[in-house]
Amino acid sequence: MAAMTEARRLLRSVTSISLALALAACGDEAGDSPKSSETATSGESNTSAGSTSTGAGGGPSSTTNASTATTNQATATSTGEGSSDSSTTSSGGSTTRGMTADGSGGTTATSDDASSSSGGGGSTTGDPMPGRSSGCGKEPGRGGAASVEITVDGRRGSYVLSLPRGYDPETPYALVFGFHGAGSTGADLRSWFYVEETANDEAIFVYPDGFNGVWEDEVYSRDFSFEEAIKSAVMDDYCVDPSAVFAFGFSYGGWATTQMACSRPDLVRGVASVAGGGPQGQCMGPIPIMIIHGSNDPLEPITSSEATRDDFLDVNQCDDDSTPVDPMPCVSYTECTEPLHWCPHDGEHNIPFEFDGAIWAFFSSLR
């Protein structure tokens, strides 16, 4: 574990330097917005053992209305940590699933339940019991992590699905979304951030790939239907606590996370934004949020997250007073209708290791 931690620490340092050099090379071509700067430089790169890998995202954009997704096809492909093929087709309010373990033919189970969740602590249509998704009791056809393709209204996207070790189909787990930075992939974010490891096998993690490597941080983002379809598919196949769905994002993924929190708080119980900004438009209501940003960030100035903080101080109806919380120098604002944690640090376009665990601790406190 110590060796892996040191390797990740080195990876983060090298990546931050690479991003700064890329931004400098682009000069004024990046545009006026910090987000535009990140997009023009291909955003996040992961560097290890002298190699650099930059993800391109994944496929065309999803549909415009999150409530009108009528076709949902998912195909899981083994990445070496688990092996099976699964498919999901949803149409007209019914769901048919087939799972073949290890490609050996296996058995096929069919359910007429459609998984329709309200998120944010709400219930899921077809849940056998409160606090349990319709996937509870279903044996998984695979374990570990796998790449999954999903088609929403004719547009194909992808994400990495990671199950906890010793997954128990009778135990409702938290569900955590991780949104990568511009030009990167879900797999990149999973390899770089340490949130999953700090969750102590108490959560299922999904890392979507942004269409063309980016996100739509807009009030009526087409990404919402993509995210809602992923949530529905995971909750229908696996045992999830519908009241414990969370999201965190880095850089441009931080913008995507705060936009989800603002425009679609029904999808998640709480969020964490790292080196991001946003949101745009009028928010729908208060939501727990943790905001982390480096004061020396050369790619996304901390002023972006300061604006995020100020927006959610109003949305969550907080006082101006705050109290220190771990890890330092984080503070929690007082008298909020929902928690707001503000965590500035003296780093650059990265996340110090202690904040990985802090994100999971924040999510856990909301369960």
Protein backbone atom coordinates (compact mmCIF):
# COMPACT_ATOMS: atom_id res chain seq x y z
CA MET A 1 0.00 0.00 0.00
CA ALA A 2 2.85 2.40 0.86
CA ALA A 3 4.50 1.76 -2.51
CA MET A 4 1.21 2.31 -4.36
CA THR A 5 0.58 5.52 -2.43
CA GLU A 6 4.05 6.87 -3.27
CA ALA A 7 3.56 5.96 -6.94
CA ARG A 8 0.27 7.86 -7.03
CA ARG A 9 1.90 10.83 -5.32
CA LEU A 10 4.60 10.92 -8.03
CA LEU A 11 1.97 10.49 -10.74
CA ARG A 12 0.04 13.49 -9.48
CA SER A 13 3.13 15.67 -9.31
CA VAL A 14 4.24 14.79 -12.85
CA THR A 15 0.72 15.24 -14.21
CA SER A 16 0.35 18.67 -12.65
CA ILE A 17 3.66 19.77 -14.21
CA SER A 18 2.62 18.36 -17.62
CA LEU A 19 -0.65 20.29 -17.52
CA ALA A 20 1.11 23.54 -16.68
CA LEU A 21 3.56 23.07 -19.56
CA ALA A 22 0.72 22.24 -21.94
CA LEU A 23 -1.15 25.38 -20.97
CA ALA A 24 1.95 27.51 -21.48
CA ALA A 25 2.49 25.97 -24.92
CA CYS A 26 -1.04 26.88 -25.95
CA GLY A 27 -0.56 30.54 -25.08
CA ASP A 28 -3.61 32.67 -25.82
CA GLU A 29 -5.29 30.03 -27.97
CA ALA A 30 -7.07 28.60 -24.95
CA GLY A 31 -9.73 31.32 -24.85
CA ASP A 32 -11.05 33.47 -22.01
CA SER A 33 -12.59 30.76 -19.84
CA PRO A 34 -10.41 28.56 -17.60
CA LYS A 35 -12.49 25.66 -18.88
CA SER A 36 -11.61 26.62 -22.43
CA SER A 37 -7.94 26.62 -21.47
CA GLU A 38 -8.24 23.11 -20.15
CA THR A 39 -10.06 21.86 -23.23
CA ALA A 40 -7.51 23.36 -25.60
CA THR A 41 -4.64 21.64 -23.78
CA SER A 42 -6.42 18.26 -23.76
CA GLY A 43 -6.98 18.62 -20.01
CA GLU A 44 -5.66 15.85 -17.82
CA SER A 45 -2.82 13.48 -18.73
CA ASN A 46 -1.71 10.55 -16.60
CA THR A 47 2.03 9.93 -16.60
CA SER A 48 3.73 6.89 -15.09
CA ALA A 49 7.07 5.18 -15.71
CA GLY A 50 7.92 7.70 -18.41
CA SER A 51 4.73 7.29 -20.46
CA THR A 52 1.79 9.64 -20.99
CA SER A 53 -1.76 8.52 -21.69
CA THR A 54 -4.46 11.01 -22.66
CA GLY A 55 -8.02 9.74 -23.01
CA ALA A 56 -10.26 10.94 -25.77
CA GLY A 57 -13.56 10.57 -23.91
CA GLY A 58 -16.08 8.33 -25.56
CA GLY A 59 -18.51 8.67 -28.41
CA PRO A 60 -21.20 11.17 -29.33
CA SER A 61 -23.35 13.21 -27.02
CA SER A 62 -26.35 11.83 -25.11
CA THR A 63 -29.94 13.03 -25.33
CA THR A 64 -31.24 16.44 -24.36
CA ASN A 65 -33.96 15.49 -21.87
CA ALA A 66 -33.03 13.36 -18.87
CA SER A 67 -36.65 12.29 -18.40
CA THR A 68 -37.17 10.97 -21.93
CA ALA A 69 -34.51 8.27 -22.23
CA THR A 70 -36.38 5.37 -23.80
CA THR A 71 -33.61 3.06 -24.95
CA ASN A 72 -30.84 1.86 -22.66
CA GLN A 73 -28.41 -0.78 -23.84
CA ALA A 74 -25.38 -1.67 -21.73
CA THR A 75 -22.64 -4.16 -22.55
CA ALA A 76 -19.99 -4.95 -19.93
CA THR A 77 -16.53 -5.88 -21.16
CA SER A 78 -13.91 -7.41 -18.87
CA THR A 79 -10.80 -5.36 -18.13
CA GLY A 80 -8.93 -8.22 -16.50
CA GLU A 81 -10.39 -7.76 -13.01
CA GLY A 82 -13.60 -9.65 -13.75
CA SER A 83 -14.97 -11.61 -16.68
CA SER A 84 -18.49 -11.79 -18.03
CA ASP A 85 -20.76 -10.33 -20.66
CA SER A 86 -23.95 -8.53 -19.70
CA SER A 87 -26.57 -6.73 -21.73
CA THR A 88 -29.46 -4.47 -20.85
CA THR A 89 -32.29 -3.26 -23.04
CA SER A 90 -34.97 -0.95 -21.73
CA SER A 91 -37.99 0.06 -23.77
CA GLY A 92 -41.55 1.04 -22.96
CA GLY A 93 -41.03 0.84 -19.20
CA SER A 94 -39.85 -2.80 -19.11
CA THR A 95 -36.38 -4.21 -18.65
CA THR A 96 -34.92 -7.45 -19.97
CA ARG A 97 -31.47 -8.53 -18.87
CA GLY A 98 -29.14 -11.32 -19.84
CA MET A 99 -26.00 -12.30 -17.96
CA THR A 100 -23.53 -14.97 -19.04
CA ALA A 101 -20.85 -15.66 -16.45
CA ASP A 102 -17.34 -16.21 -17.83
CA GLY A 103 -18.78 -16.51 -21.33
CA SER A 104 -19.91 -20.08 -20.61
CA GLY A 105 -23.56 -19.77 -21.45
CA GLY A 106 -24.74 -19.50 -17.86
CA THR A 107 -28.32 -18.58 -17.12
CA THR A 108 -30.56 -15.72 -18.15
CA ALA A 109 -32.89 -13.89 -15.77
CA THR A 110 -35.74 -11.71 -17.00
CA SER A 111 -37.43 -8.99 -14.97
CA ASP A 112 -40.41 -6.82 -15.88
CA ASP A 113 -39.38 -4.18 -13.34
CA ALA A 114 -38.04 -0.89 -14.64
CA SER A 115 -35.65 0.85 -12.31
CA SER A 116 -36.69 4.47 -11.99
CA SER A 117 -34.98 6.40 -9.23
CA SER A 118 -35.66 9.81 -7.82
CA GLY A 119 -32.19 10.10 -6.26
CA GLY A 120 -31.31 12.53 -3.52
CA GLY A 121 -32.59 10.18 -0.85
CA GLY A 122 -35.77 9.35 -2.79
CA SER A 123 -37.19 5.94 -3.55
CA THR A 124 -36.74 3.69 -6.54
CA THR A 125 -39.75 2.32 -8.39
CA GLY A 126 -39.70 -1.46 -8.08
CA ASP A 127 -37.56 -1.49 -4.91
CA PRO A 128 -38.32 -4.63 -2.87
CA MET A 129 -37.75 -2.66 0.35
CA PRO A 130 -37.01 0.95 1.34
CA GLY A 131 -33.30 1.65 1.15
CA ARG A 132 -32.71 -1.18 -1.35
CA SER A 133 -32.61 -0.92 -5.13
CA SER A 134 -34.27 -3.49 -7.39
CA GLY A 135 -30.84 -5.08 -7.96
CA CYS A 136 -30.64 -6.31 -4.37
CA GLY A 137 -30.66 -10.10 -4.23
CA LYS A 138 -29.35 -10.51 -7.78
CA GLU A 139 -26.10 -12.42 -8.06
CA PRO A 140 -23.50 -10.43 -10.01
CA GLY A 141 -22.15 -11.98 -13.20
CA ARG A 142 -18.74 -10.42 -12.62
CA GLY A 143 -16.54 -8.81 -10.02
CA GLY A 144 -13.85 -6.18 -9.83
CA ALA A 145 -13.85 -3.43 -12.48
CA ALA A 146 -15.11 -3.54 -16.06
CA SER A 147 -15.68 -1.17 -18.95
CA VAL A 148 -19.36 -0.80 -19.83
CA GLU A 149 -20.94 0.60 -22.99
CA ILE A 150 -24.38 2.17 -22.72
CA THR A 151 -26.63 3.57 -25.44
CA VAL A 152 -29.18 6.24 -24.59
CA ASP A 153 -31.64 7.24 -27.31
CA GLY A 154 -29.31 5.94 -30.00
CA ARG A 155 -26.15 7.57 -28.68
CA ARG A 156 -23.42 5.41 -27.24
CA GLY A 157 -21.30 6.23 -24.22
CA SER A 158 -19.16 4.27 -21.79
CA TYR A 159 -18.08 4.09 -18.18
CA VAL A 160 -15.97 2.04 -15.80
CA LEU A 161 -17.96 0.10 -13.19
CA SER A 162 -16.08 -1.03 -10.08
CA LEU A 163 -17.62 -3.34 -7.49
CA PRO A 164 -16.28 -3.55 -3.93
CA ARG A 165 -14.28 -6.59 -2.93
CA GLY A 166 -16.50 -9.24 -1.41
CA TYR A 167 -19.60 -7.71 -2.98
CA ASP A 168 -22.72 -8.96 -1.16
CA PRO A 169 -25.94 -8.81 -3.25
CA GLU A 170 -27.99 -8.46 -0.05
CA THR A 171 -26.08 -5.41 1.24
CA PRO A 172 -27.16 -1.97 -0.04
CA TYR A 173 -24.02 -0.06 -1.07
CA ALA A 174 -23.47 3.60 -1.73
CA LEU A 175 -23.12 4.52 -5.42
CA VAL A 176 -20.42 7.06 -6.31
CA PHE A 177 -19.91 8.81 -9.66
CA GLY A 178 -16.45 10.12 -10.56
CA PHE A 179 -16.18 12.73 -13.35
CA HIS A 180 -12.83 13.20 -15.08
CA GLY A 181 -11.24 16.39 -16.42
CA ALA A 182 -11.33 17.50 -20.05
CA GLY A 183 -9.53 15.27 -22.54
CA SER A 184 -9.28 12.44 -20.03
CA THR A 185 -11.32 9.28 -19.29
CA GLY A 186 -13.08 7.61 -16.43
CA ALA A 187 -10.32 5.01 -16.25
CA ASP A 188 -7.75 7.81 -15.92
CA LEU A 189 -9.62 9.36 -12.99
CA ARG A 190 -9.90 5.99 -11.26
CA SER A 191 -6.16 5.38 -11.61
CA TRP A 192 -5.26 8.84 -10.33
CA PHE A 193 -7.70 9.51 -7.48
CA TYR A 194 -7.71 7.55 -4.25
CA VAL A 195 -11.36 8.00 -3.19
CA GLU A 196 -12.34 4.44 -4.07
CA GLU A 197 -9.56 2.96 -1.94
CA THR A 198 -10.62 5.02 1.07
CA ALA A 199 -14.23 3.82 0.82
CA ASN A 200 -13.40 0.52 2.54
CA ASP A 201 -15.47 -1.53 0.08
CA GLU A 202 -18.64 0.28 1.14
CA ALA A 203 -19.53 1.66 -2.29
CA ILE A 204 -19.95 0.85 -5.96
CA PHE A 205 -18.04 3.32 -8.14
CA VAL A 206 -18.83 4.40 -11.70
CA TYR A 207 -16.50 6.56 -13.80
CA PRO A 208 -18.30 7.83 -16.93
CA ASP A 209 -16.41 8.88 -20.04
CA GLY A 210 -17.38 12.35 -21.20
CA PHE A 211 -18.58 12.50 -24.79
CA ASN A 212 -15.58 13.60 -26.87
CA GLY A 213 -13.65 13.85 -23.60
CA VAL A 214 -15.64 16.75 -22.13
CA TRP A 215 -18.86 17.52 -20.26
CA GLU A 216 -21.72 19.89 -20.92
CA ASP A 217 -21.78 22.17 -17.89
CA GLU A 218 -25.10 23.73 -18.86
CA VAL A 219 -28.46 24.09 -17.17
CA TYR A 220 -30.08 21.62 -19.59
CA SER A 221 -27.03 19.44 -20.14
CA ARG A 222 -27.49 16.41 -22.39
CA ASP A 223 -25.17 14.57 -20.02
CA PHE A 224 -27.91 14.29 -17.40
CA SER A 225 -29.78 11.62 -19.38
CA PHE A 226 -26.52 9.68 -19.74
CA GLU A 227 -25.86 9.87 -16.00
CA GLU A 228 -29.46 9.00 -15.14
CA ALA A 229 -29.33 5.94 -17.43
CA ILE A 230 -26.10 4.74 -15.78
CA LYS A 231 -27.61 5.18 -12.34
CA SER A 232 -30.76 3.28 -13.33
CA ALA A 233 -28.79 0.41 -14.91
CA VAL A 234 -26.48 -0.01 -11.91
CA MET A 235 -29.34 0.11 -9.43
CA ASP A 236 -31.24 -2.51 -11.41
CA ASP A 237 -28.27 -4.90 -11.57
CA TYR A 238 -26.66 -4.33 -8.18
CA CYS A 239 -27.68 -3.67 -4.60
CA VAL A 240 -27.62 0.08 -4.01
CA ASP A 241 -28.96 2.31 -1.25
CA PRO A 242 -31.00 4.84 -3.28
CA SER A 243 -30.47 7.48 -0.59
CA ALA A 244 -26.67 7.19 -0.84
CA VAL A 245 -25.81 8.27 -4.40
CA PHE A 246 -22.90 10.73 -4.59
CA ALA A 247 -20.63 12.37 -7.17
CA PHE A 248 -17.19 13.94 -7.25
CA GLY A 249 -15.34 15.52 -10.13
CA PHE A 250 -11.93 16.94 -10.97
CA SER A 251 -11.25 20.06 -13.03
CA TYR A 252 -13.82 20.13 -15.87
CA GLY A 253 -15.39 17.19 -14.06
CA GLY A 254 -15.77 19.51 -11.07
CA TRP A 255 -17.82 21.85 -13.26
CA ALA A 256 -19.96 18.89 -14.35
CA THR A 257 -20.45 17.87 -10.72
CA THR A 258 -21.60 21.28 -9.51
CA GLN A 259 -23.93 21.59 -12.52
CA MET A 260 -25.50 18.26 -11.64
CA ALA A 261 -25.88 19.41 -8.03
CA CYS A 262 -27.53 22.63 -9.18
CA SER A 263 -29.75 21.44 -12.04
CA ARG A 264 -30.46 17.83 -11.02
CA PRO A 265 -30.12 17.46 -7.23
CA ASP A 266 -32.60 14.59 -7.51
CA LEU A 267 -29.83 12.44 -9.02
CA VAL A 268 -27.46 12.60 -6.04
CA ARG A 269 -27.44 13.03 -2.27
CA GLY A 270 -24.23 15.07 -2.17
CA VAL A 271 -21.23 16.12 -4.29
CA ALA A 272 -17.57 17.13 -4.10
CA SER A 273 -15.83 19.40 -6.61
CA VAL A 274 -12.03 19.41 -6.94
CA ALA A 275 -10.27 22.20 -8.87
CA GLY A 276 -13.49 23.00 -10.69
CA GLY A 277 -16.07 25.77 -10.81
CA GLY A 278 -19.67 26.47 -11.76
CA PRO A 279 -22.60 26.10 -11.75
CA GLN A 280 -24.62 28.01 -14.31
CA GLY A 281 -28.26 29.00 -13.97
CA GLN A 282 -30.71 28.97 -11.08
CA CYS A 283 -30.24 25.99 -8.76
CA MET A 284 -33.18 23.78 -7.91
CA GLY A 285 -32.51 23.58 -4.18
CA PRO A 286 -29.96 22.99 -1.41
CA ILE A 287 -27.60 20.02 -1.56
CA PRO A 288 -24.56 18.91 0.49
CA ILE A 289 -21.34 20.01 -1.24
CA MET A 290 -17.61 19.91 -0.59
CA ILE A 291 -15.39 22.27 -2.61
CA ILE A 292 -11.61 21.69 -2.86
CA HIS A 293 -9.18 23.93 -4.74
CA GLY A 294 -5.48 24.85 -4.77
CA SER A 295 -4.61 28.51 -4.29
CA ASN A 296 -1.71 28.17 -6.77
CA ASP A 297 -3.68 26.43 -9.53
CA PRO A 298 -2.36 27.72 -12.90
CA LEU A 299 -5.07 26.06 -15.01
CA GLU A 300 -8.27 26.76 -13.08
CA PRO A 301 -7.89 29.77 -10.76
CA ILE A 302 -9.22 29.31 -7.24
CA THR A 303 -11.58 32.20 -7.95
CA SER A 304 -13.70 29.69 -9.93
CA SER A 305 -14.32 27.63 -6.81
CA GLU A 306 -14.72 30.73 -4.66
CA ALA A 307 -17.63 31.64 -6.92
CA THR A 308 -18.99 28.10 -6.49
CA ARG A 309 -18.75 28.49 -2.72
CA ASP A 310 -20.55 31.82 -2.80
CA ASP A 311 -23.33 30.40 -5.00
CA PHE A 312 -23.97 27.49 -2.67
CA LEU A 313 -23.75 29.68 0.43
CA ASP A 314 -26.91 31.25 -0.98
CA VAL A 315 -28.47 28.04 -2.25
CA ASN A 316 -27.89 26.25 1.09
CA GLN A 317 -28.90 29.36 3.05
CA CYS A 318 -25.71 29.38 5.15
CA ASP A 319 -24.43 31.99 7.58
CA ASP A 320 -21.11 33.68 6.94
CA ASP A 321 -19.63 32.01 10.02
CA SER A 322 -17.72 28.74 9.74
CA THR A 323 -15.99 26.19 11.94
CA PRO A 324 -12.81 24.17 11.20
CA VAL A 325 -13.23 20.56 10.08
CA ASP A 326 -10.77 17.84 9.06
CA PRO A 327 -8.62 17.96 7.11
CA MET A 328 -7.20 21.39 7.76
CA PRO A 329 -7.68 24.02 6.46
CA CYS A 330 -11.26 22.96 5.58
CA VAL A 331 -14.18 24.77 7.17
CA SER A 332 -17.87 23.96 7.46
CA TYR A 333 -20.29 26.87 7.21
CA THR A 334 -22.90 27.18 9.94
CA GLU A 335 -26.70 27.21 9.94
CA CYS A 336 -26.89 25.70 6.44
CA THR A 337 -29.94 23.77 5.31
CA GLU A 338 -27.43 21.30 3.81
CA PRO A 339 -23.68 21.00 4.65
CA LEU A 340 -21.15 23.14 2.79
CA HIS A 341 -17.44 22.38 3.28
CA TRP A 342 -14.84 24.75 1.80
CA CYS A 343 -11.31 23.34 1.45
CA PRO A 344 -8.69 25.67 -0.05
CA HIS A 345 -5.13 24.33 -0.02
CA ASP A 346 -1.75 25.66 -1.14
CA GLY A 347 -1.32 23.21 -4.03
CA GLU A 348 -1.79 23.57 -7.77
CA HIS A 349 -4.08 21.72 -10.22
CA ASN A 350 -4.26 18.56 -8.14
CA ILE A 351 -5.66 17.09 -4.95
CA PRO A 352 -3.52 16.43 -1.85
CA PHE A 353 -3.80 12.85 -0.65
CA GLU A 354 -5.58 13.69 2.58
CA PHE A 355 -8.53 15.02 0.61
CA ASP A 356 -9.27 11.66 -1.04
CA GLY A 357 -10.28 10.29 2.33
CA ALA A 358 -12.01 13.54 3.22
CA ILE A 359 -14.32 13.22 0.21
CA TRP A 360 -15.40 9.74 1.27
CA ALA A 361 -15.77 10.85 4.91
CA PHE A 362 -18.01 13.69 3.73
CA PHE A 363 -20.18 11.30 1.72
CA SER A 364 -20.32 8.82 4.60
CA SER A 365 -21.53 11.51 6.97
CA LEU A 366 -24.59 11.97 4.75
CA ARG A 367 -25.78 8.35 5.00
